[in-house]
Protein backbone atom coordinates (compact mmCIF):
# COMPACT_ATOMS: atom_id res chain seq x y z
CA MET A 1 5.00 8.67 22.46
CA ASN A 2 3.20 5.37 22.18
CA PHE A 3 0.15 7.11 20.82
CA SER A 4 2.26 8.69 18.09
CA SER A 5 3.46 5.26 17.09
CA THR A 6 -0.11 4.11 16.60
CA ASP A 7 -0.86 7.07 14.38
CA PHE A 8 2.16 6.25 12.25
CA SER A 9 0.99 2.66 11.93
CA LEU A 10 -2.28 3.85 10.47
CA SER A 11 -0.44 5.83 7.83
CA ASP A 12 1.60 2.78 6.93
CA PHE A 13 -1.59 0.78 6.44
CA SER A 14 -2.90 3.38 4.02
CA SER A 15 0.31 3.11 2.04
CA SER A 16 -0.16 -0.63 1.83
CA ASP A 17 -3.55 -0.16 0.21
CA PHE A 18 -2.02 2.08 -2.43
CA SER A 19 0.72 -0.48 -3.03
CA SER A 20 -1.95 -3.09 -3.68
CA SER A 21 -3.34 -0.94 -6.46
CA ILE A 22 0.06 -0.72 -8.11
CA PHE A 23 0.52 -4.47 -7.85
CA SER A 24 -2.77 -4.99 -9.66
CA SER A 25 -1.61 -2.72 -12.44
CA SER A 26 1.61 -4.70 -12.73
CA ASP A 27 -0.36 -7.90 -13.17
CA PHE A 28 -2.35 -6.35 -15.99
CA SER A 29 0.83 -5.18 -17.69
CA LEU A 30 2.23 -8.69 -17.57
CA SER A 31 -0.88 -10.03 -19.28
CA TYR A 32 -0.66 -7.42 -22.02
CA PRO A 33 2.73 -8.55 -23.46
């Protein structure tokens, strides 16, 4: 079960990277207006 938890953690990290991309887009949008 512990091993499964580690695998899940890796997936979460990947999601974080994607979130970072969205945040960058938000910053650009703010600069536009």
